[in-house]
């Protein structure tokens, strides 16, 4: 749900906030990937590419979020565009697929 994502980004909770509250576990990270679990899902977040996607002169990141249910067969994937600059707040939007 894009409204939920936009509220989370705007209100500022971080993954570490959720981890400290016991809502996330099994964190592992590399330079371009992060894995963790919530009580019902496993997540893999990967930075796929960097570039100036909106032509504003600032580097943006294209991020893929994969998830699947811990006990079940449901899974999903989203592409997100993470944008920000020294003069603008960080924004996260769903990246449109062709």
C-alpha atoms as a PDB file:
ATOM      1  CA  UNK A   1       0.000   0.000   0.000  1.00  0.00           C
ATOM      2  CA  UNK A   2       1.649   3.180  -1.160  1.00  0.00           C
ATOM      3  CA  UNK A   3      -0.097   5.363   1.453  1.00  0.00           C
ATOM      4  CA  UNK A   4       1.408   3.276   4.261  1.00  0.00           C
ATOM      5  CA  UNK A   5       4.894   3.585   2.757  1.00  0.00           C
ATOM      6  CA  UNK A   6       4.544   7.347   2.291  1.00  0.00           C
ATOM      7  CA  UNK A   7       3.394   7.780   5.921  1.00  0.00           C
ATOM      8  CA  UNK A   8       6.314   5.678   7.215  1.00  0.00           C
ATOM      9  CA  UNK A   9       8.850   7.706   5.237  1.00  0.00           C
ATOM     10  CA  UNK A  10       7.275  11.015   6.288  1.00  0.00           C
ATOM     11  CA  UNK A  11       6.992  10.116   9.988  1.00  0.00           C
ATOM     12  CA  UNK A  12      10.561   8.879  10.160  1.00  0.00           C
ATOM     13  CA  UNK A  13      10.556   5.431  11.811  1.00  0.00           C
ATOM     14  CA  UNK A  14      13.604   3.439  10.786  1.00  0.00           C
ATOM     15  CA  UNK A  15      14.215  -0.278  10.478  1.00  0.00           C
ATOM     16  CA  UNK A  16      16.368   0.021  13.587  1.00  0.00           C
ATOM     17  CA  UNK A  17      13.390   1.516  15.485  1.00  0.00           C
ATOM     18  CA  UNK A  18      11.361  -1.578  14.581  1.00  0.00           C
ATOM     19  CA  UNK A  19      14.271  -3.898  15.469  1.00  0.00           C
ATOM     20  CA  UNK A  20      14.656  -2.305  18.924  1.00  0.00           C
ATOM     21  CA  UNK A  21      10.929  -2.807  19.555  1.00  0.00           C
ATOM     22  CA  UNK A  22      11.333  -6.525  18.723  1.00  0.00           C
ATOM     23  CA  UNK A  23       9.288  -6.330  15.522  1.00  0.00           C
ATOM     24  CA  UNK A  24      12.218  -7.263  13.229  1.00  0.00           C
ATOM     25  CA  UNK A  25      15.037  -9.782  13.593  1.00  0.00           C
ATOM     26  CA  UNK A  26      17.850 -11.596  11.760  1.00  0.00           C
ATOM     27  CA  UNK A  27      19.440  -8.500  10.258  1.00  0.00           C
ATOM     28  CA  UNK A  28      22.276  -9.080   7.774  1.00  0.00           C
ATOM     29  CA  UNK A  29      23.696  -6.469   5.434  1.00  0.00           C
ATOM     30  CA  UNK A  30      26.270  -5.883   2.737  1.00  0.00           C
ATOM     31  CA  UNK A  31      27.128  -2.730   0.803  1.00  0.00           C
ATOM     32  CA  UNK A  32      24.062  -3.148  -1.462  1.00  0.00           C
ATOM     33  CA  UNK A  33      21.701  -5.605   0.293  1.00  0.00           C
ATOM     34  CA  UNK A  34      19.835  -6.037   3.565  1.00  0.00           C
ATOM     35  CA  UNK A  35      17.908  -9.056   4.840  1.00  0.00           C
ATOM     36  CA  UNK A  36      15.661  -9.222   7.903  1.00  0.00           C
ATOM     37  CA  UNK A  37      12.515 -10.882   9.263  1.00  0.00           C
ATOM     38  CA  UNK A  38       9.260  -9.641  10.684  1.00  0.00           C
ATOM     39  CA  UNK A  39       7.035 -12.059  12.619  1.00  0.00           C
ATOM     40  CA  UNK A  40       5.384 -13.263   9.399  1.00  0.00           C
ATOM     41  CA  UNK A  41       7.711 -12.296   6.495  1.00  0.00           C
ATOM     42  CA  UNK A  42      11.317 -12.449   5.334  1.00  0.00           C
ATOM     43  CA  UNK A  43      12.676  -9.497   3.346  1.00  0.00           C
ATOM     44  CA  UNK A  44      15.581  -8.932   0.966  1.00  0.00           C
ATOM     45  CA  UNK A  45      16.211  -5.295   0.008  1.00  0.00           C
ATOM     46  CA  UNK A  46      18.758  -4.772  -2.772  1.00  0.00           C
ATOM     47  CA  UNK A  47      20.081  -1.590  -4.350  1.00  0.00           C
ATOM     48  CA  UNK A  48      20.025  -2.384  -8.066  1.00  0.00           C
ATOM     49  CA  UNK A  49      21.376   0.811  -9.593  1.00  0.00           C
ATOM     50  CA  UNK A  50      22.194   4.462  -8.994  1.00  0.00           C
ATOM     51  CA  UNK A  51      21.617   7.332 -11.362  1.00  0.00           C
ATOM     52  CA  UNK A  52      19.817  10.617 -11.825  1.00  0.00           C
ATOM     53  CA  UNK A  53      16.409   9.171 -12.701  1.00  0.00           C
ATOM     54  CA  UNK A  54      14.455  12.399 -12.295  1.00  0.00           C
ATOM     55  CA  UNK A  55      17.103  14.654 -13.924  1.00  0.00           C
ATOM     56  CA  UNK A  56      17.485  16.958 -10.895  1.00  0.00           C
ATOM     57  CA  UNK A  57      21.271  16.617 -10.693  1.00  0.00           C
ATOM     58  CA  UNK A  58      21.220  14.389  -7.567  1.00  0.00           C
ATOM     59  CA  UNK A  59      21.962  10.678  -7.554  1.00  0.00           C
ATOM     60  CA  UNK A  60      18.954   8.442  -6.914  1.00  0.00           C
ATOM     61  CA  UNK A  61      18.793   4.726  -6.053  1.00  0.00           C
ATOM     62  CA  UNK A  62      16.639   2.038  -7.624  1.00  0.00           C
ATOM     63  CA  UNK A  63      15.826  -0.484  -4.885  1.00  0.00           C
ATOM     64  CA  UNK A  64      14.166  -3.896  -5.153  1.00  0.00           C
ATOM     65  CA  UNK A  65      12.235  -5.280  -2.181  1.00  0.00           C
ATOM     66  CA  UNK A  66      11.561  -9.033  -2.203  1.00  0.00           C
ATOM     67  CA  UNK A  67       9.458 -10.636   0.525  1.00  0.00           C
ATOM     68  CA  UNK A  68       7.871 -13.972   1.271  1.00  0.00           C
ATOM     69  CA  UNK A  69       5.763 -15.371   4.087  1.00  0.00           C
ATOM     70  CA  UNK A  70       7.690 -17.338   6.713  1.00  0.00           C
ATOM     71  CA  UNK A  71       4.968 -19.986   6.820  1.00  0.00           C
ATOM     72  CA  UNK A  72       3.205 -20.017   3.503  1.00  0.00           C
ATOM     73  CA  UNK A  73       3.618 -19.657  -0.215  1.00  0.00           C
ATOM     74  CA  UNK A  74       2.873 -15.946  -0.695  1.00  0.00           C
ATOM     75  CA  UNK A  75       5.625 -13.717  -2.048  1.00  0.00           C
ATOM     76  CA  UNK A  76       6.046 -10.354  -3.701  1.00  0.00           C
ATOM     77  CA  UNK A  77       8.475  -7.901  -5.197  1.00  0.00           C
ATOM     78  CA  UNK A  78       8.421  -4.106  -5.485  1.00  0.00           C
ATOM     79  CA  UNK A  79      10.733  -1.641  -7.203  1.00  0.00           C
ATOM     80  CA  UNK A  80      11.218   1.639  -5.362  1.00  0.00           C
ATOM     81  CA  UNK A  81      12.934   4.864  -6.350  1.00  0.00           C
ATOM     82  CA  UNK A  82      14.743   6.513  -3.436  1.00  0.00           C
ATOM     83  CA  UNK A  83      15.494  10.182  -4.047  1.00  0.00           C
ATOM     84  CA  UNK A  84      17.006  12.924  -1.981  1.00  0.00           C
ATOM     85  CA  UNK A  85      19.503  15.755  -2.000  1.00  0.00           C
ATOM     86  CA  UNK A  86      21.214  18.129   0.384  1.00  0.00           C
ATOM     87  CA  UNK A  87      18.302  20.558  -0.029  1.00  0.00           C
ATOM     88  CA  UNK A  88      15.336  18.157  -0.221  1.00  0.00           C
ATOM     89  CA  UNK A  89      13.974  15.473   2.102  1.00  0.00           C
ATOM     90  CA  UNK A  90      14.323  11.817   1.226  1.00  0.00           C
ATOM     91  CA  UNK A  91      11.404  10.457  -0.806  1.00  0.00           C
ATOM     92  CA  UNK A  92      10.493   6.883  -1.651  1.00  0.00           C
ATOM     93  CA  UNK A  93       8.107   6.153  -4.529  1.00  0.00           C
ATOM     94  CA  UNK A  94       7.063   3.038  -6.371  1.00  0.00           C
ATOM     95  CA  UNK A  95       9.093   2.747  -9.575  1.00  0.00           C
ATOM     96  CA  UNK A  96       6.801   2.278 -12.581  1.00  0.00           C
ATOM     97  CA  UNK A  97       7.388  -0.821 -14.636  1.00  0.00           C
ATOM     98  CA  UNK A  98       6.954  -0.557 -18.421  1.00  0.00           C
END
